[in-house]
Amino acid sequence: MRVDVDVTEIELEGDHTTIPGLAVECSRCGHVVEVYGTSGASERRGCAMLREDCPYGESNFYGDEAGLAQCKAERDSRWRW
């Protein structure tokens, strides 16, 4: 099943300072994972972590339309002839 996520920029604790990161929240159950970085890759990592760490043992596909569009744009920019 495809499940939408809510992505929020946050500050995470680093070794010596705070580091920009993302909180990725499942829209179905509210489970939240935190990842370092604010790029599209960080958002995809958060979605993968939600799939791995689902508290209900579900194997959902997580993401949102904006994130999907950004992922396609990043991919296309790497393969531009």
C-alpha atoms as a PDB file:
ATOM      1  CA  MET A   1       0.000   0.000   0.000  1.00  0.00           C
ATOM      2  CA  ARG A   2       1.216   3.520  -0.745  1.00  0.00           C
ATOM      3  CA  VAL A   3       1.204   5.819   2.276  1.00  0.00           C
ATOM      4  CA  ASP A   4       1.792   9.573   2.275  1.00  0.00           C
ATOM      5  CA  VAL A   5       4.323  11.106   4.635  1.00  0.00           C
ATOM      6  CA  ASP A   6       4.671  14.485   6.295  1.00  0.00           C
ATOM      7  CA  VAL A   7       8.224  15.839   6.153  1.00  0.00           C
ATOM      8  CA  THR A   8       9.410  18.545   8.552  1.00  0.00           C
ATOM      9  CA  GLU A   9      12.843  20.156   8.723  1.00  0.00           C
ATOM     10  CA  ILE A  10      14.358  19.873  12.207  1.00  0.00           C
ATOM     11  CA  GLU A  11      17.685  20.338  13.999  1.00  0.00           C
ATOM     12  CA  LEU A  12      19.333  17.129  15.243  1.00  0.00           C
ATOM     13  CA  GLU A  13      22.026  16.785  17.854  1.00  0.00           C
ATOM     14  CA  GLY A  14      25.504  16.194  16.427  1.00  0.00           C
ATOM     15  CA  ASP A  15      28.775  15.553  18.242  1.00  0.00           C
ATOM     16  CA  HIS A  16      29.555  19.235  18.785  1.00  0.00           C
ATOM     17  CA  THR A  17      26.668  21.192  17.293  1.00  0.00           C
ATOM     18  CA  THR A  18      23.205  20.832  15.817  1.00  0.00           C
ATOM     19  CA  ILE A  19      22.808  19.451  12.305  1.00  0.00           C
ATOM     20  CA  PRO A  20      19.942  20.070   9.868  1.00  0.00           C
ATOM     21  CA  GLY A  21      17.727  17.048   9.392  1.00  0.00           C
ATOM     22  CA  LEU A  22      14.256  15.809   8.591  1.00  0.00           C
ATOM     23  CA  ALA A  23      11.460  14.251  10.608  1.00  0.00           C
ATOM     24  CA  VAL A  24       9.452  11.900   8.375  1.00  0.00           C
ATOM     25  CA  GLU A  25       6.011  10.985   9.753  1.00  0.00           C
ATOM     26  CA  CYS A  26       3.654   8.245   8.557  1.00  0.00           C
ATOM     27  CA  SER A  27       0.235   9.747   7.800  1.00  0.00           C
ATOM     28  CA  ARG A  28      -1.538   6.512   8.825  1.00  0.00           C
ATOM     29  CA  CYS A  29      -0.160   5.825  12.305  1.00  0.00           C
ATOM     30  CA  GLY A  30       1.972   8.877  13.164  1.00  0.00           C
ATOM     31  CA  HIS A  31       5.241   6.934  13.557  1.00  0.00           C
ATOM     32  CA  VAL A  32       8.200   9.316  13.110  1.00  0.00           C
ATOM     33  CA  VAL A  33      11.806   8.702  12.083  1.00  0.00           C
ATOM     34  CA  GLU A  34      14.584  11.292  12.041  1.00  0.00           C
ATOM     35  CA  VAL A  35      17.369  11.477   9.470  1.00  0.00           C
ATOM     36  CA  TYR A  36      20.384  13.745   9.008  1.00  0.00           C
ATOM     37  CA  GLY A  37      20.399  16.041   5.967  1.00  0.00           C
ATOM     38  CA  THR A  38      17.638  17.840   4.104  1.00  0.00           C
ATOM     39  CA  SER A  39      18.100  16.610   0.522  1.00  0.00           C
ATOM     40  CA  GLY A  40      15.849  14.362  -1.504  1.00  0.00           C
ATOM     41  CA  ALA A  41      18.141  11.465  -0.626  1.00  0.00           C
ATOM     42  CA  SER A  42      17.563  12.146   3.078  1.00  0.00           C
ATOM     43  CA  GLU A  43      13.816  12.117   2.529  1.00  0.00           C
ATOM     44  CA  ARG A  44      14.051   8.807   0.647  1.00  0.00           C
ATOM     45  CA  ARG A  45      16.163   7.381   3.494  1.00  0.00           C
ATOM     46  CA  GLY A  46      13.463   8.427   5.958  1.00  0.00           C
ATOM     47  CA  CYS A  47      10.819   6.683   3.861  1.00  0.00           C
ATOM     48  CA  ALA A  48      12.959   3.529   3.738  1.00  0.00           C
ATOM     49  CA  MET A  49      13.394   3.669   7.518  1.00  0.00           C
ATOM     50  CA  LEU A  50       9.616   3.946   7.986  1.00  0.00           C
ATOM     51  CA  ARG A  51       9.183   0.802   5.905  1.00  0.00           C
ATOM     52  CA  GLU A  52      11.812  -1.052   7.974  1.00  0.00           C
ATOM     53  CA  ASP A  53      10.607   0.224  11.379  1.00  0.00           C
ATOM     54  CA  CYS A  54       6.809   0.113  10.987  1.00  0.00           C
ATOM     55  CA  PRO A  55       5.413  -0.545  14.488  1.00  0.00           C
ATOM     56  CA  TYR A  56       2.593  -2.608  12.937  1.00  0.00           C
ATOM     57  CA  GLY A  57       4.884  -4.795  10.823  1.00  0.00           C
ATOM     58  CA  GLU A  58       3.450  -3.506   7.531  1.00  0.00           C
ATOM     59  CA  SER A  59       5.556  -3.249   4.358  1.00  0.00           C
ATOM     60  CA  ASN A  60       4.137  -0.028   2.938  1.00  0.00           C
ATOM     61  CA  PHE A  61       5.649   2.236   0.302  1.00  0.00           C
ATOM     62  CA  TYR A  62       6.101   5.726   1.721  1.00  0.00           C
ATOM     63  CA  GLY A  63       6.399   9.047  -0.081  1.00  0.00           C
ATOM     64  CA  ASP A  64       4.551  12.066  -1.376  1.00  0.00           C
ATOM     65  CA  GLU A  65       3.987  13.504  -4.834  1.00  0.00           C
ATOM     66  CA  ALA A  66       6.441  16.387  -4.320  1.00  0.00           C
ATOM     67  CA  GLY A  67       9.178  13.982  -3.238  1.00  0.00           C
ATOM     68  CA  LEU A  68       8.488  11.729  -6.215  1.00  0.00           C
ATOM     69  CA  ALA A  69       8.728  14.673  -8.617  1.00  0.00           C
ATOM     70  CA  GLN A  70      12.021  15.798  -7.015  1.00  0.00           C
ATOM     71  CA  CYS A  71      13.430  12.270  -7.246  1.00  0.00           C
ATOM     72  CA  LYS A  72      12.595  12.090 -10.962  1.00  0.00           C
ATOM     73  CA  ALA A  73      14.139  15.531 -11.569  1.00  0.00           C
ATOM     74  CA  GLU A  74      17.364  14.516  -9.780  1.00  0.00           C
ATOM     75  CA  ARG A  75      17.537  11.307 -11.783  1.00  0.00           C
ATOM     76  CA  ASP A  76      16.919  13.089 -15.087  1.00  0.00           C
ATOM     77  CA  SER A  77      19.582  15.711 -14.358  1.00  0.00           C
ATOM     78  CA  ARG A  78      22.186  12.966 -13.871  1.00  0.00           C
ATOM     79  CA  TRP A  79      21.274  11.280 -17.163  1.00  0.00           C
ATOM     80  CA  ARG A  80      21.098  14.373 -19.336  1.00  0.00           C
ATOM     81  CA  TRP A  81      22.838  13.671 -22.665  1.00  0.00           C
END
